[in-house]
Full PDB file with SEQRES, HELIX, SHEET, SSBOND, CRYST1, ORIGX, SCALE, CONECT and MASTER records, all heavy atoms in Angstrom:
SEQRES   1 A   40  ARG ALA ALA GLY GLU LEU ALA GLU HIS ALA HIS PRO PHE          
SEQRES   2 A   40  ALA ALA LYS ALA LEU ILE LEU ALA GLY GLU ILE ALA LEU          
SEQRES   3 A   40  GLU VAL ALA GLY ARG VAL THR LEU TYR GLN VAL GLY GLN          
SEQRES   4 A   40  ILE                                                          
SHEET    1 AA1 2 ILE A  24  VAL A  28  0                                        
SHEET    2 AA1 2 ARG A  31  TYR A  35 -1                                        
CRYST1    1.000    1.000    1.000  90.00  90.00  90.00 P 1           1          
ORIGX1      1.000000  0.000000  0.000000        0.00000                         
ORIGX2      0.000000  1.000000  0.000000        0.00000                         
ORIGX3      0.000000  0.000000  1.000000        0.00000                         
SCALE1      1.000000  0.000000  0.000000        0.00000                         
SCALE2      0.000000  1.000000  0.000000        0.00000                         
SCALE3      0.000000  0.000000  1.000000        0.00000                         
ATOM      1  N   ARG A   1     -62.532 -37.255 -43.206  1.00  0.00           N  
ATOM      2  CA  ARG A   1     -61.310 -36.714 -43.736  1.00  0.00           C  
ATOM      3  C   ARG A   1     -60.943 -37.431 -45.011  1.00  0.00           C  
ATOM      4  O   ARG A   1     -60.876 -38.655 -44.993  1.00  0.00           O  
ATOM      5  CB  ARG A   1     -60.184 -36.722 -42.751  1.00  0.00           C  
ATOM      6  CG  ARG A   1     -60.452 -36.093 -41.437  1.00  0.00           C  
ATOM      7  CD  ARG A   1     -59.953 -34.749 -41.404  1.00  0.00           C  
ATOM      8  NE  ARG A   1     -60.021 -34.284 -39.967  1.00  0.00           N  
ATOM      9  CZ  ARG A   1     -60.509 -33.057 -39.647  1.00  0.00           C  
ATOM     10  NH1 ARG A   1     -61.014 -32.317 -40.538  1.00  0.00           N  
ATOM     11  NH2 ARG A   1     -60.545 -32.668 -38.368  1.00  0.00           N  
ATOM     12  N   ALA A   2     -60.631 -36.701 -46.056  1.00  0.00           N  
ATOM     13  CA  ALA A   2     -60.017 -37.282 -47.264  1.00  0.00           C  
ATOM     14  C   ALA A   2     -58.620 -37.767 -46.993  1.00  0.00           C  
ATOM     15  O   ALA A   2     -57.991 -37.380 -45.994  1.00  0.00           O  
ATOM     16  CB  ALA A   2     -60.047 -36.270 -48.392  1.00  0.00           C  
ATOM     17  N   ALA A   3     -58.117 -38.605 -47.898  1.00  0.00           N  
ATOM     18  CA  ALA A   3     -56.593 -39.036 -47.737  1.00  0.00           C  
ATOM     19  C   ALA A   3     -55.752 -37.825 -47.559  1.00  0.00           C  
ATOM     20  O   ALA A   3     -55.931 -36.796 -48.224  1.00  0.00           O  
ATOM     21  CB  ALA A   3     -56.231 -39.776 -48.962  1.00  0.00           C  
ATOM     22  N   GLY A   4     -54.855 -37.894 -46.665  1.00  0.00           N  
ATOM     23  CA  GLY A   4     -53.876 -36.818 -46.387  1.00  0.00           C  
ATOM     24  C   GLY A   4     -53.367 -36.872 -44.935  1.00  0.00           C  
ATOM     25  O   GLY A   4     -53.403 -37.940 -44.435  1.00  0.00           O  
ATOM     26  N   GLU A   5     -52.900 -35.745 -44.393  1.00  0.00           N  
ATOM     27  CA  GLU A   5     -52.366 -35.809 -43.043  1.00  0.00           C  
ATOM     28  C   GLU A   5     -52.463 -34.392 -42.455  1.00  0.00           C  
ATOM     29  O   GLU A   5     -52.643 -33.360 -43.213  1.00  0.00           O  
ATOM     30  CB  GLU A   5     -50.976 -36.294 -43.035  1.00  0.00           C  
ATOM     31  CG  GLU A   5     -50.070 -35.495 -43.892  1.00  0.00           C  
ATOM     32  CD  GLU A   5     -48.664 -36.142 -44.037  1.00  0.00           C  
ATOM     33  OE1 GLU A   5     -48.587 -37.336 -44.209  1.00  0.00           O  
ATOM     34  OE2 GLU A   5     -47.636 -35.399 -43.902  1.00  0.00           O  
ATOM     35  N   LEU A   6     -52.393 -34.295 -41.218  1.00  0.00           N  
ATOM     36  CA  LEU A   6     -52.282 -33.092 -40.487  1.00  0.00           C  
ATOM     37  C   LEU A   6     -50.929 -33.038 -39.660  1.00  0.00           C  
ATOM     38  O   LEU A   6     -50.547 -34.018 -39.068  1.00  0.00           O  
ATOM     39  CB  LEU A   6     -53.475 -32.968 -39.403  1.00  0.00           C  
ATOM     40  CG  LEU A   6     -54.792 -32.580 -39.962  1.00  0.00           C  
ATOM     41  CD1 LEU A   6     -55.784 -32.623 -38.886  1.00  0.00           C  
ATOM     42  CD2 LEU A   6     -54.790 -31.180 -40.641  1.00  0.00           C  
ATOM     43  N   ALA A   7     -50.282 -31.889 -39.748  1.00  0.00           N  
ATOM     44  CA  ALA A   7     -49.088 -31.708 -38.983  1.00  0.00           C  
ATOM     45  C   ALA A   7     -49.275 -31.799 -37.492  1.00  0.00           C  
ATOM     46  O   ALA A   7     -50.490 -31.714 -37.045  1.00  0.00           O  
ATOM     47  CB  ALA A   7     -48.361 -30.442 -39.399  1.00  0.00           C  
ATOM     48  N   GLU A   8     -48.216 -31.794 -36.719  1.00  0.00           N  
ATOM     49  CA  GLU A   8     -48.384 -31.896 -35.316  1.00  0.00           C  
ATOM     50  C   GLU A   8     -49.203 -30.754 -34.710  1.00  0.00           C  
ATOM     51  O   GLU A   8     -49.001 -29.623 -35.073  1.00  0.00           O  
ATOM     52  CB  GLU A   8     -46.940 -31.866 -34.670  1.00  0.00           C  
ATOM     53  CG  GLU A   8     -47.038 -32.196 -33.140  1.00  0.00           C  
ATOM     54  CD  GLU A   8     -45.583 -32.367 -32.525  1.00  0.00           C  
ATOM     55  OE1 GLU A   8     -44.827 -31.436 -32.597  1.00  0.00           O  
ATOM     56  OE2 GLU A   8     -45.361 -33.455 -32.057  1.00  0.00           O  
ATOM     57  N   HIS A   9     -50.120 -31.072 -33.832  1.00  0.00           N  
ATOM     58  CA  HIS A   9     -51.003 -30.150 -33.256  1.00  0.00           C  
ATOM     59  C   HIS A   9     -51.612 -30.735 -31.999  1.00  0.00           C  
ATOM     60  O   HIS A   9     -51.372 -31.891 -31.713  1.00  0.00           O  
ATOM     61  CB  HIS A   9     -52.112 -29.740 -34.194  1.00  0.00           C  
ATOM     62  CG  HIS A   9     -53.028 -30.886 -34.544  1.00  0.00           C  
ATOM     63  ND1 HIS A   9     -52.663 -31.874 -35.464  1.00  0.00           N  
ATOM     64  CD2 HIS A   9     -54.333 -31.156 -34.119  1.00  0.00           C  
ATOM     65  CE1 HIS A   9     -53.706 -32.765 -35.554  1.00  0.00           C  
ATOM     66  NE2 HIS A   9     -54.683 -32.368 -34.777  1.00  0.00           N  
ATOM     67  N   ALA A  10     -52.374 -29.966 -31.229  1.00  0.00           N  
ATOM     68  CA  ALA A  10     -53.053 -30.406 -30.057  1.00  0.00           C  
ATOM     69  C   ALA A  10     -54.492 -29.841 -30.069  1.00  0.00           C  
ATOM     70  O   ALA A  10     -54.716 -28.813 -30.594  1.00  0.00           O  
ATOM     71  CB  ALA A  10     -52.228 -30.091 -28.778  1.00  0.00           C  
ATOM     72  N   HIS A  11     -55.365 -30.505 -29.303  1.00  0.00           N  
ATOM     73  CA  HIS A  11     -56.718 -30.016 -29.105  1.00  0.00           C  
ATOM     74  C   HIS A  11     -56.914 -29.604 -27.669  1.00  0.00           C  
ATOM     75  O   HIS A  11     -56.365 -30.293 -26.724  1.00  0.00           O  
ATOM     76  CB  HIS A  11     -57.812 -31.125 -29.458  1.00  0.00           C  
ATOM     77  CG  HIS A  11     -57.574 -31.671 -30.827  1.00  0.00           C  
ATOM     78  ND1 HIS A  11     -57.909 -31.022 -32.014  1.00  0.00           N  
ATOM     79  CD2 HIS A  11     -57.115 -32.863 -31.245  1.00  0.00           C  
ATOM     80  CE1 HIS A  11     -57.643 -31.810 -32.987  1.00  0.00           C  
ATOM     81  NE2 HIS A  11     -57.200 -32.848 -32.573  1.00  0.00           N  
ATOM     82  N   PRO A  12     -57.710 -28.568 -27.392  1.00  0.00           N  
ATOM     83  CA  PRO A  12     -57.909 -28.193 -25.980  1.00  0.00           C  
ATOM     84  C   PRO A  12     -58.996 -29.027 -25.335  1.00  0.00           C  
ATOM     85  O   PRO A  12     -59.454 -28.706 -24.249  1.00  0.00           O  
ATOM     86  CB  PRO A  12     -58.378 -26.700 -26.135  1.00  0.00           C  
ATOM     87  CG  PRO A  12     -59.042 -26.652 -27.432  1.00  0.00           C  
ATOM     88  CD  PRO A  12     -58.199 -27.614 -28.329  1.00  0.00           C  
ATOM     89  N   PHE A  13     -59.374 -30.105 -25.933  1.00  0.00           N  
ATOM     90  CA  PHE A  13     -60.380 -31.020 -25.445  1.00  0.00           C  
ATOM     91  C   PHE A  13     -59.897 -32.461 -25.515  1.00  0.00           C  
ATOM     92  O   PHE A  13     -59.028 -32.785 -26.325  1.00  0.00           O  
ATOM     93  CB  PHE A  13     -61.723 -30.855 -26.247  1.00  0.00           C  
ATOM     94  CG  PHE A  13     -61.529 -30.915 -27.714  1.00  0.00           C  
ATOM     95  CD1 PHE A  13     -61.477 -32.208 -28.367  1.00  0.00           C  
ATOM     96  CD2 PHE A  13     -61.484 -29.842 -28.396  1.00  0.00           C  
ATOM     97  CE1 PHE A  13     -61.210 -32.230 -29.735  1.00  0.00           C  
ATOM     98  CE2 PHE A  13     -61.266 -29.788 -29.818  1.00  0.00           C  
ATOM     99  CZ  PHE A  13     -61.172 -31.074 -30.454  1.00  0.00           C  
ATOM    100  N   ALA A  14     -60.496 -33.302 -24.675  1.00  0.00           N  
ATOM    101  CA  ALA A  14     -60.178 -34.790 -24.796  1.00  0.00           C  
ATOM    102  C   ALA A  14     -61.074 -35.304 -25.865  1.00  0.00           C  
ATOM    103  O   ALA A  14     -62.196 -34.758 -26.159  1.00  0.00           O  
ATOM    104  CB  ALA A  14     -60.558 -35.502 -23.561  1.00  0.00           C  
ATOM    105  N   ALA A  15     -60.634 -36.289 -26.701  1.00  0.00           N  
ATOM    106  CA  ALA A  15     -61.360 -36.829 -27.779  1.00  0.00           C  
ATOM    107  C   ALA A  15     -61.365 -38.380 -27.712  1.00  0.00           C  
ATOM    108  O   ALA A  15     -60.327 -38.941 -27.388  1.00  0.00           O  
ATOM    109  CB  ALA A  15     -60.790 -36.445 -29.146  1.00  0.00           C  
ATOM    110  N   LYS A  16     -62.511 -38.970 -27.935  1.00  0.00           N  
ATOM    111  CA  LYS A  16     -62.608 -40.437 -27.980  1.00  0.00           C  
ATOM    112  C   LYS A  16     -63.387 -40.796 -29.218  1.00  0.00           C  
ATOM    113  O   LYS A  16     -64.505 -40.239 -29.439  1.00  0.00           O  
ATOM    114  CB  LYS A  16     -63.331 -40.984 -26.706  1.00  0.00           C  
ATOM    115  CG  LYS A  16     -63.241 -42.504 -26.586  1.00  0.00           C  
ATOM    116  CD  LYS A  16     -63.719 -42.927 -25.207  1.00  0.00           C  
ATOM    117  CE  LYS A  16     -63.513 -44.416 -25.099  1.00  0.00           C  
ATOM    118  NZ  LYS A  16     -63.829 -44.872 -23.682  1.00  0.00           N  
ATOM    119  N   ALA A  17     -62.806 -41.591 -30.050  1.00  0.00           N  
ATOM    120  CA  ALA A  17     -63.485 -41.841 -31.367  1.00  0.00           C  
ATOM    121  C   ALA A  17     -63.607 -43.285 -31.700  1.00  0.00           C  
ATOM    122  O   ALA A  17     -62.639 -44.109 -31.385  1.00  0.00           O  
ATOM    123  CB  ALA A  17     -62.679 -41.052 -32.479  1.00  0.00           C  
ATOM    124  N   LEU A  18     -64.607 -43.631 -32.465  1.00  0.00           N  
ATOM    125  CA  LEU A  18     -64.824 -44.941 -33.010  1.00  0.00           C  
ATOM    126  C   LEU A  18     -64.674 -44.866 -34.622  1.00  0.00           C  
ATOM    127  O   LEU A  18     -65.385 -44.079 -35.207  1.00  0.00           O  
ATOM    128  CB  LEU A  18     -66.232 -45.461 -32.698  1.00  0.00           C  
ATOM    129  CG  LEU A  18     -66.689 -46.750 -33.383  1.00  0.00           C  
ATOM    130  CD1 LEU A  18     -65.859 -47.939 -32.924  1.00  0.00           C  
ATOM    131  CD2 LEU A  18     -68.198 -46.982 -33.177  1.00  0.00           C  
ATOM    132  N   ILE A  19     -63.787 -45.621 -35.162  1.00  0.00           N  
ATOM    133  CA  ILE A  19     -63.567 -45.628 -36.564  1.00  0.00           C  
ATOM    134  C   ILE A  19     -64.725 -46.309 -37.342  1.00  0.00           C  
ATOM    135  O   ILE A  19     -65.024 -47.519 -37.028  1.00  0.00           O  
ATOM    136  CB  ILE A  19     -62.202 -46.322 -36.993  1.00  0.00           C  
ATOM    137  CG1 ILE A  19     -61.058 -45.724 -36.152  1.00  0.00           C  
ATOM    138  CG2 ILE A  19     -61.972 -46.164 -38.439  1.00  0.00           C  
ATOM    139  CD1 ILE A  19     -60.864 -44.262 -36.228  1.00  0.00           C  
ATOM    140  N   LEU A  20     -65.368 -45.611 -38.216  1.00  0.00           N  
ATOM    141  CA  LEU A  20     -66.474 -46.152 -38.927  1.00  0.00           C  
ATOM    142  C   LEU A  20     -66.131 -46.580 -40.320  1.00  0.00           C  
ATOM    143  O   LEU A  20     -66.749 -47.505 -40.827  1.00  0.00           O  
ATOM    144  CB  LEU A  20     -67.583 -45.110 -39.072  1.00  0.00           C  
ATOM    145  CG  LEU A  20     -68.126 -44.503 -37.738  1.00  0.00           C  
ATOM    146  CD1 LEU A  20     -69.145 -43.352 -38.037  1.00  0.00           C  
ATOM    147  CD2 LEU A  20     -68.813 -45.641 -36.895  1.00  0.00           C  
ATOM    148  N   ALA A  21     -65.143 -45.942 -40.979  1.00  0.00           N  
ATOM    149  CA  ALA A  21     -64.675 -46.305 -42.324  1.00  0.00           C  
ATOM    150  C   ALA A  21     -63.243 -45.815 -42.492  1.00  0.00           C  
ATOM    151  O   ALA A  21     -62.867 -44.803 -41.823  1.00  0.00           O  
ATOM    152  CB  ALA A  21     -65.566 -45.671 -43.388  1.00  0.00           C  
ATOM    153  N   GLY A  22     -62.531 -46.510 -43.237  1.00  0.00           N  
ATOM    154  CA  GLY A  22     -61.126 -46.136 -43.560  1.00  0.00           C  
ATOM    155  C   GLY A  22     -60.221 -46.397 -42.361  1.00  0.00           C  
ATOM    156  O   GLY A  22     -60.491 -47.349 -41.608  1.00  0.00           O  
ATOM    157  N   GLU A  23     -59.147 -45.602 -42.195  1.00  0.00           N  
ATOM    158  CA  GLU A  23     -58.249 -45.743 -41.131  1.00  0.00           C  
ATOM    159  C   GLU A  23     -57.521 -44.489 -40.858  1.00  0.00           C  
ATOM    160  O   GLU A  23     -57.417 -43.575 -41.670  1.00  0.00           O  
ATOM    161  CB  GLU A  23     -57.245 -46.891 -41.403  1.00  0.00           C  
ATOM    162  CG  GLU A  23     -56.350 -46.666 -42.648  1.00  0.00           C  
ATOM    163  CD  GLU A  23     -55.513 -47.824 -43.028  1.00  0.00           C  
ATOM    164  OE1 GLU A  23     -56.038 -48.978 -42.984  1.00  0.00           O  
ATOM    165  OE2 GLU A  23     -54.380 -47.644 -43.450  1.00  0.00           O  
ATOM    166  N   ILE A  24     -56.966 -44.370 -39.553  1.00  0.00           N  
ATOM    167  CA  ILE A  24     -56.168 -43.213 -39.167  1.00  0.00           C  
ATOM    168  C   ILE A  24     -55.042 -43.679 -38.419  1.00  0.00           C  
ATOM    169  O   ILE A  24     -55.057 -44.684 -37.596  1.00  0.00           O  
ATOM    170  CB  ILE A  24     -57.099 -42.293 -38.313  1.00  0.00           C  
ATOM    171  CG1 ILE A  24     -56.285 -41.005 -37.881  1.00  0.00           C  
ATOM    172  CG2 ILE A  24     -57.574 -42.974 -37.083  1.00  0.00           C  
ATOM    173  CD1 ILE A  24     -57.158 -39.931 -37.121  1.00  0.00           C  
ATOM    174  N   ALA A  25     -53.842 -43.042 -38.769  1.00  0.00           N  
ATOM    175  CA  ALA A  25     -52.633 -43.271 -37.991  1.00  0.00           C  
ATOM    176  C   ALA A  25     -52.370 -42.092 -37.144  1.00  0.00           C  
ATOM    177  O   ALA A  25     -52.321 -40.989 -37.640  1.00  0.00           O  
ATOM    178  CB  ALA A  25     -51.487 -43.518 -38.916  1.00  0.00           C  
ATOM    179  N   LEU A  26     -52.177 -42.278 -35.812  1.00  0.00           N  
ATOM    180  CA  LEU A  26     -51.893 -41.275 -34.852  1.00  0.00           C  
ATOM    181  C   LEU A  26     -50.469 -41.403 -34.392  1.00  0.00           C  
ATOM    182  O   LEU A  26     -50.118 -42.472 -33.937  1.00  0.00           O  
ATOM    183  CB  LEU A  26     -52.856 -41.250 -33.745  1.00  0.00           C  
ATOM    184  CG  LEU A  26     -54.345 -40.942 -33.996  1.00  0.00           C  
ATOM    185  CD1 LEU A  26     -55.139 -41.145 -32.731  1.00  0.00           C  
ATOM    186  CD2 LEU A  26     -54.532 -39.645 -34.644  1.00  0.00           C  
ATOM    187  N   GLU A  27     -49.677 -40.305 -34.449  1.00  0.00           N  
ATOM    188  CA  GLU A  27     -48.348 -40.366 -33.934  1.00  0.00           C  
ATOM    189  C   GLU A  27     -48.367 -39.492 -32.618  1.00  0.00           C  
ATOM    190  O   GLU A  27     -48.679 -38.274 -32.715  1.00  0.00           O  
ATOM    191  CB  GLU A  27     -47.413 -39.812 -34.935  1.00  0.00           C  
ATOM    192  CG  GLU A  27     -45.898 -39.788 -34.371  1.00  0.00           C  
ATOM    193  CD  GLU A  27     -44.912 -39.304 -35.349  1.00  0.00           C  
ATOM    194  OE1 GLU A  27     -45.250 -39.104 -36.598  1.00  0.00           O  
ATOM    195  OE2 GLU A  27     -43.819 -38.953 -34.845  1.00  0.00           O  
ATOM    196  N   VAL A  28     -47.999 -40.124 -31.582  1.00  0.00           N  
ATOM    197  CA  VAL A  28     -47.892 -39.475 -30.238  1.00  0.00           C  
ATOM    198  C   VAL A  28     -46.611 -39.796 -29.578  1.00  0.00           C  
ATOM    199  O   VAL A  28     -46.280 -40.958 -29.503  1.00  0.00           O  
ATOM    200  CB  VAL A  28     -49.111 -39.842 -29.241  1.00  0.00           C  
ATOM    201  CG1 VAL A  28     -48.967 -39.214 -27.913  1.00  0.00           C  
ATOM    202  CG2 VAL A  28     -50.410 -39.590 -29.939  1.00  0.00           C  
ATOM    203  N   ALA A  29     -45.826 -38.781 -29.281  1.00  0.00           N  
ATOM    204  CA  ALA A  29     -44.489 -38.979 -28.718  1.00  0.00           C  
ATOM    205  C   ALA A  29     -43.607 -39.941 -29.455  1.00  0.00           C  
ATOM    206  O   ALA A  29     -42.961 -40.787 -28.886  1.00  0.00           O  
ATOM    207  CB  ALA A  29     -44.682 -39.441 -27.218  1.00  0.00           C  
ATOM    208  N   GLY A  30     -43.673 -39.812 -30.807  1.00  0.00           N  
ATOM    209  CA  GLY A  30     -42.855 -40.637 -31.702  1.00  0.00           C  
ATOM    210  C   GLY A  30     -43.387 -42.006 -31.975  1.00  0.00           C  
ATOM    211  O   GLY A  30     -42.738 -42.759 -32.716  1.00  0.00           O  
ATOM    212  N   ARG A  31     -44.413 -42.346 -31.382  1.00  0.00           N  
ATOM    213  CA  ARG A  31     -45.056 -43.694 -31.600  1.00  0.00           C  
ATOM    214  C   ARG A  31     -46.279 -43.586 -32.505  1.00  0.00           C  
ATOM    215  O   ARG A  31     -47.181 -42.867 -32.232  1.00  0.00           O  
ATOM    216  CB  ARG A  31     -45.406 -44.303 -30.188  1.00  0.00           C  
ATOM    217  CG  ARG A  31     -46.008 -45.701 -30.435  1.00  0.00           C  
ATOM    218  CD  ARG A  31     -46.175 -46.321 -29.068  1.00  0.00           C  
ATOM    219  NE  ARG A  31     -46.831 -47.698 -29.271  1.00  0.00           N  
ATOM    220  CZ  ARG A  31     -47.839 -48.138 -28.552  1.00  0.00           C  
ATOM    221  NH1 ARG A  31     -48.390 -47.404 -27.672  1.00  0.00           N  
ATOM    222  NH2 ARG A  31     -48.304 -49.347 -28.850  1.00  0.00           N  
ATOM    223  N   VAL A  32     -46.329 -44.388 -33.539  1.00  0.00           N  
ATOM    224  CA  VAL A  32     -47.412 -44.405 -34.494  1.00  0.00           C  
ATOM    225  C   VAL A  32     -48.279 -45.555 -34.174  1.00  0.00           C  
ATOM    226  O   VAL A  32     -47.809 -46.718 -34.160  1.00  0.00           O  
ATOM    227  CB  VAL A  32     -46.915 -44.426 -35.966  1.00  0.00           C  
ATOM    228  CG1 VAL A  32     -48.106 -44.434 -36.963  1.00  0.00           C  
ATOM    229  CG2 VAL A  32     -46.045 -43.139 -36.271  1.00  0.00           C  
ATOM    230  N   THR A  33     -49.652 -45.314 -34.088  1.00  0.00           N  
ATOM    231  CA  THR A  33     -50.608 -46.385 -33.956  1.00  0.00           C  
ATOM    232  C   THR A  33     -51.644 -46.208 -35.030  1.00  0.00           C  
ATOM    233  O   THR A  33     -52.186 -45.207 -35.266  1.00  0.00           O  
ATOM    234  CB  THR A  33     -51.234 -46.275 -32.568  1.00  0.00           C  
ATOM    235  OG1 THR A  33     -50.267 -46.290 -31.493  1.00  0.00           O  
ATOM    236  CG2 THR A  33     -52.226 -47.467 -32.293  1.00  0.00           C  
ATOM    237  N   LEU A  34     -51.945 -47.383 -35.676  1.00  0.00           N  
ATOM    238  CA  LEU A  34     -52.953 -47.370 -36.747  1.00  0.00           C  
ATOM    239  C   LEU A  34     -54.308 -47.886 -36.162  1.00  0.00           C  
ATOM    240  O   LEU A  34     -54.328 -48.876 -35.487  1.00  0.00           O  
ATOM    241  CB  LEU A  34     -52.465 -48.291 -37.839  1.00  0.00           C  
ATOM    242  CG  LEU A  34     -53.509 -48.433 -39.075  1.00  0.00           C  
ATOM    243  CD1 LEU A  34     -53.572 -47.112 -39.842  1.00  0.00           C  
ATOM    244  CD2 LEU A  34     -53.003 -49.570 -39.961  1.00  0.00           C  
ATOM    245  N   TYR A  35     -55.373 -47.083 -36.405  1.00  0.00           N  
ATOM    246  CA  TYR A  35     -56.706 -47.501 -35.970  1.00  0.00           C  
ATOM    247  C   TYR A  35     -57.595 -47.692 -37.271  1.00  0.00           C  
ATOM    248  O   TYR A  35     -57.608 -46.851 -38.156  1.00  0.00           O  
ATOM    249  CB  TYR A  35     -57.310 -46.417 -35.131  1.00  0.00           C  
ATOM    250  CG  TYR A  35     -56.603 -46.138 -33.860  1.00  0.00           C  
ATOM    251  CD1 TYR A  35     -55.565 -45.187 -33.843  1.00  0.00           C  
ATOM    252  CD2 TYR A  35     -56.793 -46.894 -32.760  1.00  0.00           C  
ATOM    253  CE1 TYR A  35     -54.798 -44.996 -32.675  1.00  0.00           C  
ATOM    254  CE2 TYR A  35     -56.129 -46.658 -31.535  1.00  0.00           C  
ATOM    255  CZ  TYR A  35     -55.142 -45.704 -31.551  1.00  0.00           C  
ATOM    256  OH  TYR A  35     -54.419 -45.493 -30.399  1.00  0.00           O  
ATOM    257  N   GLN A  36     -58.284 -48.854 -37.266  1.00  0.00           N  
ATOM    258  CA  GLN A  36     -59.113 -49.252 -38.316  1.00  0.00           C  
ATOM    259  C   GLN A  36     -60.577 -49.420 -37.934  1.00  0.00           C  
ATOM    260  O   GLN A  36     -60.835 -49.233 -36.737  1.00  0.00           O  
ATOM    261  CB  GLN A  36     -58.570 -50.571 -38.957  1.00  0.00           C  
ATOM    262  CG  GLN A  36     -57.139 -50.396 -39.488  1.00  0.00           C  
ATOM    263  CD  GLN A  36     -56.513 -51.671 -39.943  1.00  0.00           C  
ATOM    264  OE1 GLN A  36     -56.582 -52.657 -39.303  1.00  0.00           O  
ATOM    265  NE2 GLN A  36     -55.843 -51.570 -41.113  1.00  0.00           N  
ATOM    266  N   VAL A  37     -61.418 -49.838 -38.854  1.00  0.00           N  
ATOM    267  CA  VAL A  37     -62.847 -49.887 -38.576  1.00  0.00           C  
ATOM    268  C   VAL A  37     -63.142 -50.731 -37.339  1.00  0.00           C  
ATOM    269  O   VAL A  37     -62.532 -51.810 -37.151  1.00  0.00           O  
ATOM    270  CB  VAL A  37     -63.588 -50.426 -39.831  1.00  0.00           C  
ATOM    271  CG1 VAL A  37     -65.058 -50.778 -39.491  1.00  0.00           C  
ATOM    272  CG2 VAL A  37     -63.432 -49.485 -41.024  1.00  0.00           C  
ATOM    273  N   GLY A  38     -63.969 -50.162 -36.510  1.00  0.00           N  
ATOM    274  CA  GLY A  38     -64.348 -50.863 -35.260  1.00  0.00           C  
ATOM    275  C   GLY A  38     -63.433 -50.602 -34.077  1.00  0.00           C  
ATOM    276  O   GLY A  38     -63.719 -50.971 -32.895  1.00  0.00           O  
ATOM    277  N   GLN A  39     -62.289 -49.961 -34.302  1.00  0.00           N  
ATOM    278  CA  GLN A  39     -61.413 -49.668 -33.189  1.00  0.00           C  
ATOM    279  C   GLN A  39     -61.645 -48.254 -32.633  1.00  0.00           C  
ATOM    280  O   GLN A  39     -62.238 -47.350 -33.305  1.00  0.00           O  
ATOM    281  CB  GLN A  39     -59.977 -49.761 -33.625  1.00  0.00           C  
ATOM    282  CG  GLN A  39     -59.605 -51.203 -34.030  1.00  0.00           C  
ATOM    283  CD  GLN A  39     -58.085 -51.275 -34.436  1.00  0.00           C  
ATOM    284  OE1 GLN A  39     -57.653 -50.608 -35.271  1.00  0.00           O  
ATOM    285  NE2 GLN A  39     -57.419 -52.191 -33.718  1.00  0.00           N  
ATOM    286  N   ILE A  40     -61.256 -48.091 -31.406  1.00  0.00           N  
ATOM    287  CA  ILE A  40     -61.429 -46.816 -30.682  1.00  0.00           C  
ATOM    288  C   ILE A  40     -60.133 -46.173 -30.255  1.00  0.00           C  
ATOM    289  O   ILE A  40     -59.244 -46.888 -29.870  1.00  0.00           O  
ATOM    290  CB  ILE A  40     -62.285 -47.072 -29.382  1.00  0.00           C  
ATOM    291  CG1 ILE A  40     -63.687 -47.529 -29.794  1.00  0.00           C  
ATOM    292  CG2 ILE A  40     -62.346 -45.798 -28.490  1.00  0.00           C  
ATOM    293  CD1 ILE A  40     -64.508 -48.051 -28.610  1.00  0.00           C  
TER     294      ILE A  40                                                      
MASTER        0    0    0    0    2    0    0    6  293    1    0    4          
END                                                                             
């Protein structure tokens, strides 16, 4: 994904991911967690 963001949504599947490059911030129930390279 290029720099940017996605509005609140949900997926009909469970997802488990390993960050390979860059970073992602996930906000769940008002709590933001930042995941960086090597984190799951």
